[in-house]
Amino acid sequence: MSRTKELVSLLGGVAVAVLAGCHGDYRTATQRNMDQMDRELAAPRDYFVNQVDNAILHDMSLADFHFIPHSKELSGSGVARLDRMALMLDTYGGTVRYETGITDEALIKGRLDNVKEYLTLVGVSMEKVALATSLSGGRGGSVRDALAAQDKAKQQPAVLGQQAGFTASGGR
């Protein structure tokens, strides 16, 4: 019987060793590299964050989609926008413009009050900040320029290779 116990103990030890050795990451190096590339592509780039911040400096505005519909509460996109805006408002001050299509004055006031409360809670000194119901800010542009750009875009070839004069056979 002692031989059977030794055999069972040995097999049990081998099973534990095999299971412990098999526990881990089964992905190949290529799969791990592809996952890392996917994470890098999804991560925001510094230059993009700076561009967004510059745009926010020119257009410190909120719209109806920054709030939960039919409510004075901020939506997730409203919180995200105010989080980015708060850094600049605290440093430079400015006017936060709320552009809305609603006419319910009590709802508009409630939304502006929530914006003020949120900015205060995240540490913005409201001495340099104003809240207004108005059109969004920013540089804007002429309608003529926008229409010209739209017409030019419509005239562009759909395929990039056609723009350079290449044919389907690869020649010119």
C-alpha atoms as a PDB file:
ATOM      1  CA  MET A   1       0.000   0.000   0.000  1.00  0.00           C
ATOM      2  CA  SER A   2       2.869   2.279   0.639  1.00  0.00           C
ATOM      3  CA  ARG A   3       3.864   2.011  -3.035  1.00  0.00           C
ATOM      4  CA  THR A   4       0.352   3.159  -4.085  1.00  0.00           C
ATOM      5  CA  LYS A   5       0.504   6.125  -1.736  1.00  0.00           C
ATOM      6  CA  GLU A   6       3.882   7.118  -3.148  1.00  0.00           C
ATOM      7  CA  LEU A   7       2.542   6.861  -6.707  1.00  0.00           C
ATOM      8  CA  VAL A   8      -0.565   8.934  -5.865  1.00  0.00           C
ATOM      9  CA  SER A   9       1.602  11.535  -4.104  1.00  0.00           C
ATOM     10  CA  LEU A  10       3.961  11.690  -7.075  1.00  0.00           C
ATOM     11  CA  LEU A  11       1.117  12.039  -9.583  1.00  0.00           C
ATOM     12  CA  GLY A  12      -0.517  14.681  -7.388  1.00  0.00           C
ATOM     13  CA  GLY A  13       2.740  16.621  -7.231  1.00  0.00           C
ATOM     14  CA  VAL A  14       3.173  16.391 -11.006  1.00  0.00           C
ATOM     15  CA  ALA A  15      -0.401  17.566 -11.535  1.00  0.00           C
ATOM     16  CA  VAL A  16       0.145  20.580  -9.242  1.00  0.00           C
ATOM     17  CA  ALA A  17       3.404  21.425 -11.039  1.00  0.00           C
ATOM     18  CA  VAL A  18       1.770  21.150 -14.461  1.00  0.00           C
ATOM     19  CA  LEU A  19      -1.190  23.283 -13.447  1.00  0.00           C
ATOM     20  CA  ALA A  20       1.038  25.900 -11.833  1.00  0.00           C
ATOM     21  CA  GLY A  21       3.254  26.011 -14.908  1.00  0.00           C
ATOM     22  CA  CYS A  22       0.315  26.332 -17.265  1.00  0.00           C
ATOM     23  CA  HIS A  23      -1.222  29.238 -15.408  1.00  0.00           C
ATOM     24  CA  GLY A  24      -0.264  32.423 -17.206  1.00  0.00           C
ATOM     25  CA  ASP A  25      -0.352  34.390 -20.411  1.00  0.00           C
ATOM     26  CA  TYR A  26      -0.805  32.066 -23.397  1.00  0.00           C
ATOM     27  CA  ARG A  27      -0.550  34.845 -25.961  1.00  0.00           C
ATOM     28  CA  THR A  28       2.316  34.853 -28.388  1.00  0.00           C
ATOM     29  CA  ALA A  29       4.782  37.716 -28.566  1.00  0.00           C
ATOM     30  CA  THR A  30       2.975  38.949 -31.679  1.00  0.00           C
ATOM     31  CA  GLN A  31      -0.375  38.975 -29.890  1.00  0.00           C
ATOM     32  CA  ARG A  32       1.131  40.883 -26.952  1.00  0.00           C
ATOM     33  CA  ASN A  33       2.709  43.402 -29.348  1.00  0.00           C
ATOM     34  CA  MET A  34      -0.577  43.838 -31.211  1.00  0.00           C
ATOM     35  CA  ASP A  35      -2.376  44.472 -27.888  1.00  0.00           C
ATOM     36  CA  GLN A  36       0.249  47.075 -26.963  1.00  0.00           C
ATOM     37  CA  MET A  37      -0.205  48.795 -30.354  1.00  0.00           C
ATOM     38  CA  ASP A  38      -3.984  48.853 -29.849  1.00  0.00           C
ATOM     39  CA  ARG A  39      -3.520  50.472 -26.420  1.00  0.00           C
ATOM     40  CA  GLU A  40      -1.142  53.064 -27.874  1.00  0.00           C
ATOM     41  CA  LEU A  41      -3.515  53.907 -30.715  1.00  0.00           C
ATOM     42  CA  ALA A  42      -6.411  54.351 -28.294  1.00  0.00           C
ATOM     43  CA  ALA A  43      -4.439  56.580 -25.900  1.00  0.00           C
ATOM     44  CA  PRO A  44      -4.773  60.353 -26.375  1.00  0.00           C
ATOM     45  CA  ARG A  45      -1.751  62.093 -27.797  1.00  0.00           C
ATOM     46  CA  ASP A  46      -0.249  65.176 -26.166  1.00  0.00           C
ATOM     47  CA  TYR A  47      -0.619  67.241 -29.343  1.00  0.00           C
ATOM     48  CA  PHE A  48      -4.311  66.314 -29.591  1.00  0.00           C
ATOM     49  CA  VAL A  49      -4.961  67.250 -25.959  1.00  0.00           C
ATOM     50  CA  ASN A  50      -3.218  70.590 -26.558  1.00  0.00           C
ATOM     51  CA  GLN A  51      -5.324  71.224 -29.664  1.00  0.00           C
ATOM     52  CA  VAL A  52      -8.525  70.511 -27.738  1.00  0.00           C
ATOM     53  CA  ASP A  53      -7.422  72.821 -24.920  1.00  0.00           C
ATOM     54  CA  ASN A  54      -6.687  75.621 -27.397  1.00  0.00           C
ATOM     55  CA  ALA A  55     -10.105  75.137 -28.967  1.00  0.00           C
ATOM     56  CA  ILE A  56     -11.755  75.252 -25.549  1.00  0.00           C
ATOM     57  CA  LEU A  57      -9.939  78.507 -24.778  1.00  0.00           C
ATOM     58  CA  HIS A  58     -11.531  80.044 -27.877  1.00  0.00           C
ATOM     59  CA  ASP A  59     -14.942  78.470 -27.383  1.00  0.00           C
ATOM     60  CA  MET A  60     -15.823  78.025 -23.726  1.00  0.00           C
ATOM     61  CA  SER A  61     -19.296  76.784 -24.450  1.00  0.00           C
ATOM     62  CA  LEU A  62     -21.758  74.134 -23.400  1.00  0.00           C
ATOM     63  CA  ALA A  63     -24.757  72.842 -25.304  1.00  0.00           C
ATOM     64  CA  ASP A  64     -27.865  70.840 -24.475  1.00  0.00           C
ATOM     65  CA  PHE A  65     -26.096  67.498 -25.004  1.00  0.00           C
ATOM     66  CA  HIS A  66     -23.793  68.347 -22.104  1.00  0.00           C
ATOM     67  CA  PHE A  67     -26.812  67.793 -19.830  1.00  0.00           C
ATOM     68  CA  ILE A  68     -29.090  64.845 -19.144  1.00  0.00           C
ATOM     69  CA  PRO A  69     -32.184  65.386 -21.348  1.00  0.00           C
ATOM     70  CA  HIS A  70     -35.064  67.134 -19.560  1.00  0.00           C
ATOM     71  CA  SER A  71     -32.852  67.581 -16.495  1.00  0.00           C
ATOM     72  CA  LYS A  72     -30.521  70.153 -15.014  1.00  0.00           C
ATOM     73  CA  GLU A  73     -27.881  67.475 -14.318  1.00  0.00           C
ATOM     74  CA  LEU A  74     -24.628  67.369 -16.287  1.00  0.00           C
ATOM     75  CA  SER A  75     -24.098  64.412 -18.601  1.00  0.00           C
ATOM     76  CA  GLY A  76     -20.818  62.517 -18.810  1.00  0.00           C
ATOM     77  CA  SER A  77     -19.723  64.624 -21.765  1.00  0.00           C
ATOM     78  CA  GLY A  78     -20.630  67.769 -19.817  1.00  0.00           C
ATOM     79  CA  VAL A  79     -18.507  66.682 -16.865  1.00  0.00           C
ATOM     80  CA  ALA A  80     -15.598  65.798 -19.169  1.00  0.00           C
ATOM     81  CA  ARG A  81     -15.823  69.176 -20.921  1.00  0.00           C
ATOM     82  CA  LEU A  82     -16.020  71.119 -17.654  1.00  0.00           C
ATOM     83  CA  ASP A  83     -13.078  69.154 -16.256  1.00  0.00           C
ATOM     84  CA  ARG A  84     -10.907  70.334 -19.178  1.00  0.00           C
ATOM     85  CA  MET A  85     -12.403  73.827 -19.114  1.00  0.00           C
ATOM     86  CA  ALA A  86     -11.906  74.190 -15.347  1.00  0.00           C
ATOM     87  CA  LEU A  87      -8.114  74.186 -15.634  1.00  0.00           C
ATOM     88  CA  MET A  88      -8.191  77.088 -18.073  1.00  0.00           C
ATOM     89  CA  LEU A  89     -10.981  78.983 -16.332  1.00  0.00           C
ATOM     90  CA  ASP A  90      -9.106  78.906 -13.045  1.00  0.00           C
ATOM     91  CA  THR A  91      -5.944  80.183 -14.745  1.00  0.00           C
ATOM     92  CA  TYR A  92      -7.318  82.707 -17.246  1.00  0.00           C
ATOM     93  CA  GLY A  93     -10.959  83.267 -16.324  1.00  0.00           C
ATOM     94  CA  GLY A  94     -13.575  83.754 -19.016  1.00  0.00           C
ATOM     95  CA  THR A  95     -17.210  83.377 -19.902  1.00  0.00           C
ATOM     96  CA  VAL A  96     -18.842  79.966 -20.125  1.00  0.00           C
ATOM     97  CA  ARG A  97     -21.561  80.242 -22.761  1.00  0.00           C
ATOM     98  CA  TYR A  98     -24.534  77.912 -22.692  1.00  0.00           C
ATOM     99  CA  GLU A  99     -26.085  77.639 -26.156  1.00  0.00           C
ATOM    100  CA  THR A 100     -29.503  76.068 -25.900  1.00  0.00           C
ATOM    101  CA  GLY A 101     -32.608  75.439 -27.915  1.00  0.00           C
ATOM    102  CA  ILE A 102     -34.859  75.061 -24.886  1.00  0.00           C
ATOM    103  CA  THR A 103     -37.121  77.844 -23.634  1.00  0.00           C
ATOM    104  CA  ASP A 104     -37.818  76.661 -20.090  1.00  0.00           C
ATOM    105  CA  GLU A 105     -36.197  79.462 -18.057  1.00  0.00           C
ATOM    106  CA  ALA A 106     -36.262  77.460 -14.805  1.00  0.00           C
ATOM    107  CA  LEU A 107     -34.424  74.556 -16.477  1.00  0.00           C
ATOM    108  CA  ILE A 108     -31.862  76.910 -18.029  1.00  0.00           C
ATOM    109  CA  LYS A 109     -31.238  78.576 -14.658  1.00  0.00           C
ATOM    110  CA  GLY A 110     -30.934  75.170 -12.966  1.00  0.00           C
ATOM    111  CA  ARG A 111     -28.391  74.044 -15.539  1.00  0.00           C
ATOM    112  CA  LEU A 112     -26.310  77.208 -15.149  1.00  0.00           C
ATOM    113  CA  ASP A 113     -26.483  76.841 -11.362  1.00  0.00           C
ATOM    114  CA  ASN A 114     -25.201  73.259 -11.684  1.00  0.00           C
ATOM    115  CA  VAL A 115     -22.344  74.417 -13.905  1.00  0.00           C
ATOM    116  CA  LYS A 116     -21.372  77.035 -11.317  1.00  0.00           C
ATOM    117  CA  GLU A 117     -21.624  74.494  -8.506  1.00  0.00           C
ATOM    118  CA  TYR A 118     -19.529  71.936 -10.401  1.00  0.00           C
ATOM    119  CA  LEU A 119     -16.808  74.445 -11.271  1.00  0.00           C
ATOM    120  CA  THR A 120     -16.707  75.597  -7.655  1.00  0.00           C
ATOM    121  CA  LEU A 121     -16.441  72.001  -6.412  1.00  0.00           C
ATOM    122  CA  VAL A 122     -13.467  71.267  -8.677  1.00  0.00           C
ATOM    123  CA  GLY A 123     -11.677  74.333  -7.320  1.00  0.00           C
ATOM    124  CA  VAL A 124     -12.282  77.076  -9.875  1.00  0.00           C
ATOM    125  CA  SER A 125     -12.225  80.572  -8.417  1.00  0.00           C
ATOM    126  CA  MET A 126     -15.504  81.978  -9.752  1.00  0.00           C
ATOM    127  CA  GLU A 127     -14.312  85.597  -9.332  1.00  0.00           C
ATOM    128  CA  LYS A 128     -12.929  85.592 -12.900  1.00  0.00           C
ATOM    129  CA  VAL A 129     -15.663  83.409 -14.405  1.00  0.00           C
ATOM    130  CA  ALA A 130     -18.999  84.461 -15.864  1.00  0.00           C
ATOM    131  CA  LEU A 131     -21.868  82.225 -16.987  1.00  0.00           C
ATOM    132  CA  ALA A 132     -24.153  83.292 -19.820  1.00  0.00           C
ATOM    133  CA  THR A 133     -26.872  81.936 -22.041  1.00  0.00           C
ATOM    134  CA  SER A 134     -25.654  82.887 -25.512  1.00  0.00           C
ATOM    135  CA  LEU A 135     -24.254  81.609 -28.769  1.00  0.00           C
ATOM    136  CA  SER A 136     -21.024  79.665 -28.517  1.00  0.00           C
ATOM    137  CA  GLY A 137     -17.813  81.646 -28.778  1.00  0.00           C
ATOM    138  CA  GLY A 138     -14.789  80.978 -30.888  1.00  0.00           C
ATOM    139  CA  ARG A 139     -13.356  82.583 -33.927  1.00  0.00           C
ATOM    140  CA  GLY A 140     -16.112  81.578 -36.275  1.00  0.00           C
ATOM    141  CA  GLY A 141     -15.784  81.948 -39.994  1.00  0.00           C
ATOM    142  CA  SER A 142     -17.604  83.271 -42.982  1.00  0.00           C
ATOM    143  CA  VAL A 143     -20.326  81.263 -44.648  1.00  0.00           C
ATOM    144  CA  ARG A 144     -18.706  82.050 -47.994  1.00  0.00           C
ATOM    145  CA  ASP A 145     -15.469  80.300 -46.931  1.00  0.00           C
ATOM    146  CA  ALA A 146     -17.371  77.299 -45.582  1.00  0.00           C
ATOM    147  CA  LEU A 147     -19.365  76.916 -48.811  1.00  0.00           C
ATOM    148  CA  ALA A 148     -16.206  77.238 -50.921  1.00  0.00           C
ATOM    149  CA  ALA A 149     -14.491  74.540 -48.865  1.00  0.00           C
ATOM    150  CA  GLN A 150     -17.549  72.306 -49.187  1.00  0.00           C
ATOM    151  CA  ASP A 151     -17.615  72.759 -52.979  1.00  0.00           C
ATOM    152  CA  LYS A 152     -13.890  72.020 -53.209  1.00  0.00           C
ATOM    153  CA  ALA A 153     -14.319  68.855 -51.144  1.00  0.00           C
ATOM    154  CA  LYS A 154     -17.105  67.648 -53.443  1.00  0.00           C
ATOM    155  CA  GLN A 155     -14.832  68.055 -56.477  1.00  0.00           C
ATOM    156  CA  GLN A 156     -11.998  65.959 -54.980  1.00  0.00           C
ATOM    157  CA  PRO A 157     -11.603  62.407 -56.332  1.00  0.00           C
ATOM    158  CA  ALA A 158     -12.908  59.721 -54.003  1.00  0.00           C
ATOM    159  CA  VAL A 159      -9.768  57.567 -54.252  1.00  0.00           C
ATOM    160  CA  LEU A 160      -6.400  58.948 -53.164  1.00  0.00           C
ATOM    161  CA  GLY A 161      -4.558  57.156 -55.984  1.00  0.00           C
ATOM    162  CA  GLN A 162      -6.733  58.889 -58.590  1.00  0.00           C
ATOM    163  CA  GLN A 163      -5.618  62.254 -57.227  1.00  0.00           C
ATOM    164  CA  ALA A 164      -2.012  61.440 -58.158  1.00  0.00           C
ATOM    165  CA  GLY A 165      -3.069  60.253 -61.621  1.00  0.00           C
ATOM    166  CA  PHE A 166      -2.579  56.502 -61.121  1.00  0.00           C
ATOM    167  CA  THR A 167      -4.699  53.967 -62.955  1.00  0.00           C
ATOM    168  CA  ALA A 168      -5.951  50.629 -61.718  1.00  0.00           C
ATOM    169  CA  SER A 169      -3.129  48.847 -63.589  1.00  0.00           C
ATOM    170  CA  GLY A 170      -0.550  50.739 -61.532  1.00  0.00           C
ATOM    171  CA  GLY A 171       0.682  52.979 -64.338  1.00  0.00           C
ATOM    172  CA  ARG A 172       0.037  56.577 -65.283  1.00  0.00           C
END
